[in-house]
Amino acid sequence: MRRRTAVLSVSSAAVVLVAGAVVAGLLTGGSSPEAAGGLDAPAFVDGSTGAPVVQRGDDPAPSPDERQAVDATPLGSAASFPDGLRVEADQVERGVVTSTGSGVVTGASYVVFSVEVHNGTDASVDLSAVVPTLRHGDDAVASAPLYDDVEVADLSGTLEPGADVTARYAFVVPEGDVDGAQLFLDLDAAHAPAVFEGTLAR
């Protein structure tokens, strides 16, 4: 299983404050939820809402008017960009981490999302630096990504015209915290983040 934390996989550090020390303390601080910062340990702490601003490579982060835009979409539906790129995301699993050991947040409740991308454009799409972000609740808390005790698969590589690809992303979310979920998928510099909204299954 690949363990590429998506926010940290961008070729150059994301502009978003992904506080490495904070993540390390939250996800590797011990085998219990309490030692790992609680069941709702955020992936990053930036005091903002919405999708993080991502810089890829040495180029500055693109402004919103430089990217293909798409309206927010309910979970389980497809978001279609004007150029033909289509993204669909839905919650497919809810579980609790049962493993123990260093770096494992035993007892943490998590959700898993299935993501499918269809390239209906006439050009290849680079998916090597996709940044997924899950926020939930009234305070739009950012959830920690999960790569232990669950089957996940990141988007990666190049998607050719007419092709499809699927992925699975998991995040730590308390079992009773189901309202106000927003999944942001920042695919590349040419497309604004796709936003999927809804209520999570308990």
Protein backbone atom coordinates (compact mmCIF):
# COMPACT_ATOMS: atom_id res chain seq x y z
CA MET A 1 0.00 0.00 0.00
CA ARG A 2 1.35 3.40 -0.92
CA ARG A 3 1.54 5.88 1.93
CA ARG A 4 1.62 9.17 0.09
CA THR A 5 -0.06 11.82 2.21
CA ALA A 6 -1.77 13.75 -0.52
CA VAL A 7 -1.25 17.25 0.86
CA LEU A 8 2.47 16.57 1.17
CA SER A 9 2.78 14.87 -2.21
CA VAL A 10 2.77 18.11 -4.20
CA SER A 11 6.12 18.51 -5.95
CA SER A 12 6.70 21.72 -4.06
CA ALA A 13 5.28 22.42 -0.63
CA ALA A 14 1.64 23.46 -0.67
CA VAL A 15 0.98 27.05 0.27
CA VAL A 16 -1.49 25.72 2.78
CA LEU A 17 0.00 25.34 6.27
CA VAL A 18 0.20 21.59 6.51
CA ALA A 19 2.15 21.88 9.77
CA GLY A 20 4.33 18.82 9.50
CA ALA A 21 5.12 18.86 13.17
CA VAL A 22 1.44 19.11 14.00
CA VAL A 23 0.55 16.20 11.72
CA ALA A 24 3.38 14.12 13.13
CA GLY A 25 2.24 14.81 16.66
CA LEU A 26 -1.36 14.00 15.85
CA LEU A 27 -0.86 10.86 13.80
CA THR A 28 2.26 9.33 15.30
CA GLY A 29 2.09 10.48 18.88
CA GLY A 30 0.88 7.15 20.27
CA SER A 31 -1.46 4.23 19.86
CA SER A 32 -4.54 5.78 21.47
CA PRO A 33 -6.84 8.53 20.17
CA GLU A 34 -5.97 10.68 23.15
CA ALA A 35 -2.23 10.37 22.51
CA ALA A 36 -2.79 11.19 18.85
CA GLY A 37 -4.64 14.42 19.51
CA GLY A 38 -8.17 13.04 19.71
CA LEU A 39 -10.48 11.37 17.24
CA ASP A 40 -10.86 14.57 15.23
CA ALA A 41 -7.22 15.44 14.66
CA PRO A 42 -7.06 17.98 11.81
CA ALA A 43 -4.82 17.44 8.80
CA PHE A 44 -3.74 21.06 9.02
CA VAL A 45 -4.58 24.05 11.17
CA ASP A 46 -4.92 27.25 9.17
CA GLY A 47 -8.03 28.91 10.59
CA SER A 48 -9.59 29.14 7.15
CA THR A 49 -12.50 27.53 5.34
CA GLY A 50 -12.81 26.05 1.89
CA ALA A 51 -10.06 24.37 -0.06
CA PRO A 52 -6.41 25.09 0.71
CA VAL A 53 -4.42 27.17 -1.77
CA VAL A 54 -1.97 24.88 -3.52
CA GLN A 55 1.25 25.84 -5.28
CA ARG A 56 2.59 23.24 -7.68
CA GLY A 57 6.24 23.40 -8.70
CA ASP A 58 7.88 26.81 -8.85
CA ASP A 59 4.92 28.57 -10.42
CA PRO A 60 2.73 30.76 -8.19
CA ALA A 61 -0.69 29.41 -7.29
CA PRO A 62 -3.15 30.29 -10.08
CA SER A 63 -5.87 32.83 -9.43
CA PRO A 64 -9.50 31.62 -9.57
CA ASP A 65 -10.12 33.28 -12.94
CA GLU A 66 -7.24 31.30 -14.46
CA ARG A 67 -8.88 27.96 -13.68
CA GLN A 68 -11.87 26.04 -15.03
CA ALA A 69 -14.67 26.51 -12.48
CA VAL A 70 -17.43 24.12 -11.44
CA ASP A 71 -20.40 24.43 -9.08
CA ALA A 72 -20.52 22.60 -5.76
CA THR A 73 -22.11 19.16 -6.15
CA PRO A 74 -23.88 16.80 -3.71
CA LEU A 75 -21.92 13.75 -2.60
CA GLY A 76 -22.76 10.89 -4.91
CA SER A 77 -23.13 13.15 -7.95
CA ALA A 78 -20.74 14.20 -10.69
CA ALA A 79 -19.10 17.60 -11.08
CA SER A 80 -18.58 18.47 -14.76
CA PHE A 81 -16.10 21.15 -15.79
CA PRO A 82 -16.76 23.20 -18.95
CA ASP A 83 -13.86 21.54 -20.79
CA GLY A 84 -15.29 18.03 -20.31
CA LEU A 85 -13.40 16.85 -17.21
CA ARG A 86 -15.83 15.05 -14.86
CA VAL A 87 -15.31 14.11 -11.22
CA GLU A 88 -17.59 12.01 -9.02
CA ALA A 89 -17.21 11.36 -5.30
CA ASP A 90 -19.24 9.45 -2.73
CA GLN A 91 -18.85 8.00 0.73
CA VAL A 92 -18.51 4.23 0.45
CA GLU A 93 -17.41 3.05 3.88
CA ARG A 94 -17.39 3.95 7.56
CA GLY A 95 -15.24 2.13 10.08
CA VAL A 96 -13.07 2.24 13.17
CA VAL A 97 -9.31 1.72 13.30
CA THR A 98 -8.61 -1.53 15.15
CA SER A 99 -4.87 -1.87 14.64
CA THR A 100 -2.40 -0.99 17.37
CA GLY A 101 1.19 0.16 17.36
CA SER A 102 3.32 3.18 16.65
CA GLY A 103 1.64 5.67 14.35
CA VAL A 104 -1.78 4.03 14.57
CA VAL A 105 -4.73 5.97 16.01
CA THR A 106 -6.54 3.02 17.57
CA GLY A 107 -10.28 3.61 17.98
CA ALA A 108 -10.46 6.46 15.49
CA SER A 109 -13.64 6.53 13.42
CA TYR A 110 -13.09 7.12 9.72
CA VAL A 111 -14.90 7.57 6.42
CA VAL A 112 -13.76 6.40 2.99
CA PHE A 113 -14.64 8.15 -0.25
CA SER A 114 -14.54 6.67 -3.72
CA VAL A 115 -13.48 9.14 -6.42
CA GLU A 116 -13.77 8.67 -10.17
CA VAL A 117 -12.31 11.04 -12.76
CA HIS A 118 -13.26 10.94 -16.45
CA ASN A 119 -11.18 12.92 -18.91
CA GLY A 120 -13.63 14.19 -21.48
CA THR A 121 -11.21 16.87 -22.65
CA ASP A 122 -8.97 16.70 -25.72
CA ALA A 123 -5.75 16.85 -23.69
CA SER A 124 -4.08 14.73 -21.03
CA VAL A 125 -4.61 15.70 -17.38
CA ASP A 126 -1.79 15.50 -14.84
CA LEU A 127 -3.05 13.85 -11.64
CA SER A 128 0.35 13.53 -9.96
CA ALA A 129 -0.31 16.31 -7.42
CA VAL A 130 -3.95 15.94 -6.38
CA VAL A 131 -4.81 17.50 -3.00
CA PRO A 132 -7.95 16.14 -1.24
CA THR A 133 -9.37 17.99 1.76
CA LEU A 134 -12.35 17.04 3.94
CA ARG A 135 -14.03 19.62 6.19
CA HIS A 136 -17.07 19.00 8.38
CA GLY A 137 -19.28 20.52 11.04
CA ASP A 138 -20.25 24.10 11.81
CA ASP A 139 -16.60 25.05 12.26
CA ALA A 140 -15.49 23.45 8.96
CA VAL A 141 -12.88 21.37 10.77
CA ALA A 142 -10.25 19.84 8.47
CA SER A 143 -9.97 16.07 8.95
CA ALA A 144 -6.75 14.10 9.11
CA PRO A 145 -6.12 11.79 6.14
CA LEU A 146 -5.88 8.11 7.07
CA TYR A 147 -3.56 5.56 5.47
CA ASP A 148 -3.46 2.86 8.16
CA ASP A 149 -5.96 0.05 8.68
CA VAL A 150 -7.93 0.97 5.56
CA GLU A 151 -7.68 0.37 1.82
CA VAL A 152 -6.84 3.59 0.00
CA ALA A 153 -5.48 4.48 -3.44
CA ASP A 154 -4.42 7.98 -4.48
CA LEU A 155 -5.04 9.54 -7.86
CA SER A 156 -1.72 9.65 -9.72
CA GLY A 157 -0.06 9.74 -13.11
CA THR A 158 -1.48 11.14 -16.33
CA LEU A 159 -5.07 10.64 -17.47
CA GLU A 160 -5.39 10.50 -21.24
CA PRO A 161 -8.38 11.86 -23.18
CA GLY A 162 -11.38 9.54 -22.93
CA ALA A 163 -9.92 7.57 -20.02
CA ASP A 164 -11.23 6.99 -16.49
CA VAL A 165 -9.47 6.45 -13.19
CA THR A 166 -10.69 5.70 -9.65
CA ALA A 167 -9.24 6.32 -6.22
CA ARG A 168 -10.13 5.91 -2.52
CA TYR A 169 -9.41 8.49 0.18
CA ALA A 170 -9.96 8.03 3.93
CA PHE A 171 -10.26 10.65 6.66
CA VAL A 172 -10.62 10.56 10.43
CA VAL A 173 -14.13 11.79 11.38
CA PRO A 174 -15.89 11.19 14.74
CA GLU A 175 -18.79 8.76 14.43
CA GLY A 176 -21.46 11.27 15.44
CA ASP A 177 -20.06 14.14 13.40
CA VAL A 178 -21.93 13.78 10.13
CA ASP A 179 -23.27 17.22 9.15
CA GLY A 180 -21.81 19.87 6.90
CA ALA A 181 -19.30 17.64 5.12
CA GLN A 182 -17.37 19.20 2.24
CA LEU A 183 -14.90 17.17 0.21
CA PHE A 184 -12.56 19.31 -1.90
CA LEU A 185 -10.58 17.72 -4.74
CA ASP A 186 -7.90 20.01 -6.15
CA LEU A 187 -6.81 18.04 -9.22
CA ASP A 188 -4.41 20.36 -11.00
CA ALA A 189 -3.58 23.99 -11.68
CA ALA A 190 -5.98 24.20 -14.62
CA HIS A 191 -9.14 23.28 -12.70
CA ALA A 192 -10.60 24.84 -9.57
CA PRO A 193 -11.24 22.38 -6.74
CA ALA A 194 -14.32 20.23 -7.21
CA VAL A 195 -16.53 20.53 -4.11
CA PHE A 196 -18.83 17.75 -2.90
CA GLU A 197 -21.26 18.52 -0.09
CA GLY A 198 -23.58 16.43 2.04
CA THR A 199 -24.26 14.53 5.25
CA LEU A 200 -22.06 11.59 6.15
CA ALA A 201 -23.51 8.21 7.04
CA ARG A 202 -23.28 7.30 10.72
